[in-house]
C-alpha atoms as a PDB file:
ATOM      1  CA  MET A   1      -3.200  10.954  16.668  1.00  0.00           C
ATOM      2  CA  LYS A   2       0.453  11.763  16.188  1.00  0.00           C
ATOM      3  CA  GLN A   3       1.351   8.046  16.802  1.00  0.00           C
ATOM      4  CA  ARG A   4      -1.213   6.891  14.333  1.00  0.00           C
ATOM      5  CA  LEU A   5       0.024   9.365  11.623  1.00  0.00           C
ATOM      6  CA  PHE A   6       3.604   8.238  12.145  1.00  0.00           C
ATOM      7  CA  LEU A   7       2.536   4.666  11.845  1.00  0.00           C
ATOM      8  CA  THR A   8       0.775   5.354   8.714  1.00  0.00           C
ATOM      9  CA  ILE A   9       3.716   7.250   7.148  1.00  0.00           C
ATOM     10  CA  PHE A  10       6.047   4.280   8.209  1.00  0.00           C
ATOM     11  CA  LEU A  11       3.767   1.720   6.563  1.00  0.00           C
ATOM     12  CA  LEU A  12       3.530   3.560   3.350  1.00  0.00           C
ATOM     13  CA  ILE A  13       7.239   4.179   3.216  1.00  0.00           C
ATOM     14  CA  ALA A  14       7.973   0.499   3.942  1.00  0.00           C
ATOM     15  CA  GLY A  15       5.202  -0.753   1.686  1.00  0.00           C
ATOM     16  CA  VAL A  16       6.562   1.329  -1.124  1.00  0.00           C
ATOM     17  CA  SER A  17       8.895  -1.222  -2.115  1.00  0.00           C
ATOM     18  CA  PHE A  18       6.109  -3.429  -3.077  1.00  0.00           C
ATOM     19  CA  VAL A  19       4.561  -1.083  -5.595  1.00  0.00           C
ATOM     20  CA  GLU A  20       5.820   1.039  -8.213  1.00  0.00           C
ATOM     21  CA  ALA A  21       4.962   4.344  -7.093  1.00  0.00           C
ATOM     22  CA  GLN A  22       5.963   7.445  -8.904  1.00  0.00           C
ATOM     23  CA  SER A  23       4.526  10.187  -6.519  1.00  0.00           C
ATOM     24  CA  MET A  24       3.614  11.070  -3.020  1.00  0.00           C
ATOM     25  CA  ALA A  25       0.266  12.660  -2.233  1.00  0.00           C
ATOM     26  CA  ILE A  26      -0.630  14.834   0.663  1.00  0.00           C
ATOM     27  CA  ARG A  27      -4.251  15.389   1.273  1.00  0.00           C
ATOM     28  CA  MET A  28      -5.140  18.128   4.115  1.00  0.00           C
ATOM     29  CA  LYS A  29      -8.298  18.252   6.347  1.00  0.00           C
ATOM     30  CA  ASP A  30      -9.454  21.239   4.430  1.00  0.00           C
ATOM     31  CA  GLY A  31      -9.647  19.307   1.205  1.00  0.00           C
ATOM     32  CA  THR A  32      -6.548  20.760  -0.524  1.00  0.00           C
ATOM     33  CA  GLY A  33      -3.640  18.608  -1.342  1.00  0.00           C
ATOM     34  CA  GLN A  34      -0.438  18.124  -3.330  1.00  0.00           C
ATOM     35  CA  THR A  35       1.088  15.538  -5.149  1.00  0.00           C
ATOM     36  CA  ILE A  36       5.041  15.463  -5.453  1.00  0.00           C
ATOM     37  CA  GLY A  37       7.170  13.158  -7.810  1.00  0.00           C
ATOM     38  CA  LEU A  38       9.361  10.801  -5.987  1.00  0.00           C
ATOM     39  CA  SER A  39      12.111  11.748  -8.508  1.00  0.00           C
ATOM     40  CA  SER A  40      12.163  15.178  -7.133  1.00  0.00           C
ATOM     41  CA  LEU A  41      12.323  14.278  -3.363  1.00  0.00           C
ATOM     42  CA  GLU A  42      15.602  14.584  -1.604  1.00  0.00           C
ATOM     43  CA  LYS A  43      14.337  13.981   2.137  1.00  0.00           C
ATOM     44  CA  VAL A  44      11.261  13.711   3.888  1.00  0.00           C
ATOM     45  CA  THR A  45      11.446  14.398   7.630  1.00  0.00           C
ATOM     46  CA  PHE A  46       9.685  15.397  10.974  1.00  0.00           C
ATOM     47  CA  SER A  47      10.467  18.361  12.933  1.00  0.00           C
ATOM     48  CA  ASN A  48       8.435  18.887  16.115  1.00  0.00           C
ATOM     49  CA  THR A  49       4.757  19.073  14.825  1.00  0.00           C
ATOM     50  CA  ASN A  50       5.871  19.430  11.131  1.00  0.00           C
ATOM     51  CA  LEU A  51       6.350  17.244   7.923  1.00  0.00           C
ATOM     52  CA  LEU A  52       9.285  18.711   6.028  1.00  0.00           C
ATOM     53  CA  ILE A  53       9.752  17.918   2.514  1.00  0.00           C
ATOM     54  CA  ASN A  54      13.239  18.686   0.777  1.00  0.00           C
ATOM     55  CA  GLN A  55      13.168  18.642  -2.809  1.00  0.00           C
ATOM     56  CA  ILE A  56      16.409  18.068  -4.966  1.00  0.00           C
ATOM     57  CA  SER A  57      15.872  21.570  -6.313  1.00  0.00           C
ATOM     58  CA  GLY A  58      16.721  22.964  -2.852  1.00  0.00           C
ATOM     59  CA  ALA A  59      12.956  23.974  -1.951  1.00  0.00           C
ATOM     60  CA  THR A  60      11.734  22.966   1.522  1.00  0.00           C
ATOM     61  CA  GLU A  61       8.066  22.651   2.205  1.00  0.00           C
ATOM     62  CA  SER A  62       6.445  22.515   5.609  1.00  0.00           C
ATOM     63  CA  TYR A  63       3.097  20.806   6.556  1.00  0.00           C
ATOM     64  CA  SER A  64       1.575  20.933   9.900  1.00  0.00           C
ATOM     65  CA  LEU A  65       0.787  17.403  11.243  1.00  0.00           C
ATOM     66  CA  SER A  66      -2.303  18.363  12.632  1.00  0.00           C
ATOM     67  CA  LYS A  67      -3.769  19.486   9.303  1.00  0.00           C
ATOM     68  CA  ILE A  68      -2.738  16.517   7.308  1.00  0.00           C
ATOM     69  CA  ARG A  69      -5.481  13.970   6.830  1.00  0.00           C
ATOM     70  CA  LYS A  70      -3.725  11.402   4.437  1.00  0.00           C
ATOM     71  CA  ILE A  71      -0.296  10.735   2.987  1.00  0.00           C
ATOM     72  CA  TYR A  72      -0.136   8.114   0.348  1.00  0.00           C
ATOM     73  CA  PHE A  73       1.888   7.083  -2.616  1.00  0.00           C
ATOM     74  CA  GLU A  74       0.332   6.565  -6.069  1.00  0.00           C
ATOM     75  CA  SER A  75       1.439   5.521  -9.550  1.00  0.00           C
ATOM     76  CA  VAL A  76       0.666   7.965 -12.392  1.00  0.00           C
ATOM     77  CA  PRO A  77      -0.637   5.901 -15.470  1.00  0.00           C
ATOM     78  CA  THR A  78       0.937   7.066 -18.685  1.00  0.00           C
ATOM     79  CA  GLY A  79      -1.646   5.623 -20.909  1.00  0.00           C
ATOM     80  CA  VAL A  80      -4.373   2.660 -20.677  1.00  0.00           C
ATOM     81  CA  ASP A  81      -4.826   0.089 -23.374  1.00  0.00           C
ATOM     82  CA  ASP A  82      -7.861  -2.378 -23.585  1.00  0.00           C
ATOM     83  CA  GLU A  83      -5.803  -5.020 -21.992  1.00  0.00           C
ATOM     84  CA  THR A  84      -5.123  -3.039 -18.889  1.00  0.00           C
ATOM     85  CA  LEU A  85      -8.835  -2.151 -18.685  1.00  0.00           C
ATOM     86  CA  ASN A  86      -9.825  -5.875 -18.923  1.00  0.00           C
ATOM     87  CA  ARG A  87      -7.154  -6.819 -16.391  1.00  0.00           C
ATOM     88  CA  SER A  88      -8.135  -4.064 -13.826  1.00  0.00           C
ATOM     89  CA  SER A  89     -11.976  -5.090 -13.950  1.00  0.00           C
ATOM     90  CA  GLN A  90     -10.925  -8.490 -12.883  1.00  0.00           C
ATOM     91  CA  LYS A  91      -8.379  -7.412 -10.406  1.00  0.00           C
ATOM     92  CA  LEU A  92      -7.913 -10.122  -7.700  1.00  0.00           C
ATOM     93  CA  SER A  93      -9.615  -8.856  -4.371  1.00  0.00           C
ATOM     94  CA  PHE A  94      -9.957 -10.542  -0.959  1.00  0.00           C
ATOM     95  CA  PHE A  95     -11.944  -9.877   2.266  1.00  0.00           C
ATOM     96  CA  PRO A  96     -12.569  -9.408   5.235  1.00  0.00           C
ATOM     97  CA  ASN A  97      -9.948  -6.799   5.955  1.00  0.00           C
ATOM     98  CA  PRO A  98      -9.107  -6.858   8.829  1.00  0.00           C
ATOM     99  CA  VAL A  99      -9.123 -10.705   9.139  1.00  0.00           C
ATOM    100  CA  GLU A 100      -9.147 -12.843  12.237  1.00  0.00           C
ATOM    101  CA  SER A 101      -8.757 -16.426  10.565  1.00  0.00           C
ATOM    102  CA  ILE A 102      -9.827 -16.811   6.827  1.00  0.00           C
ATOM    103  CA  ILE A 103      -9.334 -14.493   3.834  1.00  0.00           C
ATOM    104  CA  TYR A 104     -11.542 -15.222   0.945  1.00  0.00           C
ATOM    105  CA  PHE A 105     -10.635 -14.391  -2.715  1.00  0.00           C
ATOM    106  CA  ARG A 106     -12.570 -12.878  -5.739  1.00  0.00           C
ATOM    107  CA  ASN A 107     -11.541 -12.777  -9.415  1.00  0.00           C
ATOM    108  CA  ILE A 108      -8.992 -15.432  -9.168  1.00  0.00           C
ATOM    109  CA  PRO A 109      -7.394 -15.937 -12.583  1.00  0.00           C
ATOM    110  CA  ASN A 110      -8.324 -19.412 -14.257  1.00  0.00           C
ATOM    111  CA  GLU A 111      -4.893 -20.722 -13.674  1.00  0.00           C
ATOM    112  CA  ASN A 112      -3.549 -21.547 -10.389  1.00  0.00           C
ATOM    113  CA  SER A 113      -2.059 -18.570  -8.744  1.00  0.00           C
ATOM    114  CA  ILE A 114       0.845 -18.313  -6.029  1.00  0.00           C
ATOM    115  CA  LEU A 115       0.422 -15.928  -3.340  1.00  0.00           C
ATOM    116  CA  LYS A 116       3.181 -14.491  -1.460  1.00  0.00           C
ATOM    117  CA  ILE A 117       2.450 -12.946   2.131  1.00  0.00           C
ATOM    118  CA  TYR A 118       5.198 -10.874   3.621  1.00  0.00           C
ATOM    119  CA  ARG A 119       5.425  -9.188   7.122  1.00  0.00           C
ATOM    120  CA  MET A 120       6.128  -5.444   7.035  1.00  0.00           C
ATOM    121  CA  ASP A 121       9.821  -6.131   7.747  1.00  0.00           C
ATOM    122  CA  GLY A 122       9.992  -7.856   4.251  1.00  0.00           C
ATOM    123  CA  SER A 123       9.934 -11.499   5.457  1.00  0.00           C
ATOM    124  CA  MET A 124       7.872 -13.873   3.396  1.00  0.00           C
ATOM    125  CA  VAL A 125       5.710 -15.872   5.894  1.00  0.00           C
ATOM    126  CA  LEU A 126       3.536 -17.766   3.588  1.00  0.00           C
ATOM    127  CA  GLN A 127       3.500 -18.824  -0.248  1.00  0.00           C
ATOM    128  CA  PRO A 128       0.312 -20.827  -0.572  1.00  0.00           C
ATOM    129  CA  GLN A 129      -1.473 -21.730  -4.019  1.00  0.00           C
ATOM    130  CA  ILE A 130      -5.017 -20.477  -4.909  1.00  0.00           C
ATOM    131  CA  SER A 131      -7.283 -21.289  -7.569  1.00  0.00           C
ATOM    132  CA  THR A 132     -11.003 -20.797  -8.533  1.00  0.00           C
ATOM    133  CA  ASP A 133     -11.785 -24.200  -6.434  1.00  0.00           C
ATOM    134  CA  ASN A 134      -9.764 -23.115  -3.609  1.00  0.00           C
ATOM    135  CA  ASN A 135     -10.570 -19.553  -2.973  1.00  0.00           C
ATOM    136  CA  SER A 136      -9.831 -19.157   0.689  1.00  0.00           C
ATOM    137  CA  LEU A 137      -6.905 -19.156   3.044  1.00  0.00           C
ATOM    138  CA  ASP A 138      -6.398 -19.898   6.512  1.00  0.00           C
ATOM    139  CA  VAL A 139      -4.263 -17.291   8.214  1.00  0.00           C
ATOM    140  CA  SER A 140      -5.109 -17.807  11.735  1.00  0.00           C
ATOM    141  CA  ASP A 141      -1.573 -18.951  12.565  1.00  0.00           C
ATOM    142  CA  LEU A 142      -0.013 -15.563  11.761  1.00  0.00           C
ATOM    143  CA  ASP A 143       0.789 -13.146  14.437  1.00  0.00           C
ATOM    144  CA  ARG A 144      -1.275  -9.842  14.683  1.00  0.00           C
ATOM    145  CA  GLY A 145      -0.063  -7.104  12.483  1.00  0.00           C
ATOM    146  CA  PHE A 146       0.170  -5.709   9.113  1.00  0.00           C
ATOM    147  CA  TYR A 147       0.899  -7.954   6.037  1.00  0.00           C
ATOM    148  CA  ILE A 148       1.295  -7.571   2.284  1.00  0.00           C
ATOM    149  CA  ILE A 149      -0.156 -10.021  -0.273  1.00  0.00           C
ATOM    150  CA  VAL A 150       1.467 -10.152  -3.550  1.00  0.00           C
ATOM    151  CA  VAL A 151      -0.079 -12.191  -6.513  1.00  0.00           C
ATOM    152  CA  ASN A 152       0.469 -11.753 -10.297  1.00  0.00           C
ATOM    153  CA  ASN A 153       2.406  -8.441  -9.650  1.00  0.00           C
ATOM    154  CA  GLN A 154      -0.086  -6.974  -7.688  1.00  0.00           C
ATOM    155  CA  ALA A 155       0.302  -6.093  -3.925  1.00  0.00           C
ATOM    156  CA  SER A 156      -2.473  -5.383  -1.285  1.00  0.00           C
ATOM    157  CA  LYS A 157      -2.099  -4.901   2.271  1.00  0.00           C
ATOM    158  CA  PHE A 158      -4.038  -6.535   4.969  1.00  0.00           C
ATOM    159  CA  ILE A 159      -4.290  -6.520   8.725  1.00  0.00           C
ATOM    160  CA  LYS A 160      -4.386  -9.732  10.851  1.00  0.00           C
ATOM    161  CA  GLN A 161      -6.377  -9.286  14.182  1.00  0.00           C
END
């Protein structure tokens, strides 16, 4: 359980460079939670069985790892316009996840789109082009692991089995 939680936190922190996160959210098993602005964080560490969050103000918060259900980064919208609403309803998506060999895409923009696929260490491993006519991608040559797909300034994670 601890290894899984540590891996999740590592992947979130490693993936934060691909998204414009503005806050870190901690959700507890009892349904409570807290959202902390990234600009107020000084340091996030682990001490024995606790997650310690040091804020720039000098305050330190401690969370028991056994009580944490989920830690994730999120972007806080400052407003929504009609263009944003239209784009979000047509957001590019893919399936299945996890994938063994072929990823299929939905809501591909009319123009050709360049995908960039990165390993978790930041190395780009593929840069294929997709379109409404070519809506699948063979990833069978990729090693097993976690990957990031970036297309049209949108980033998503997938697992290659």
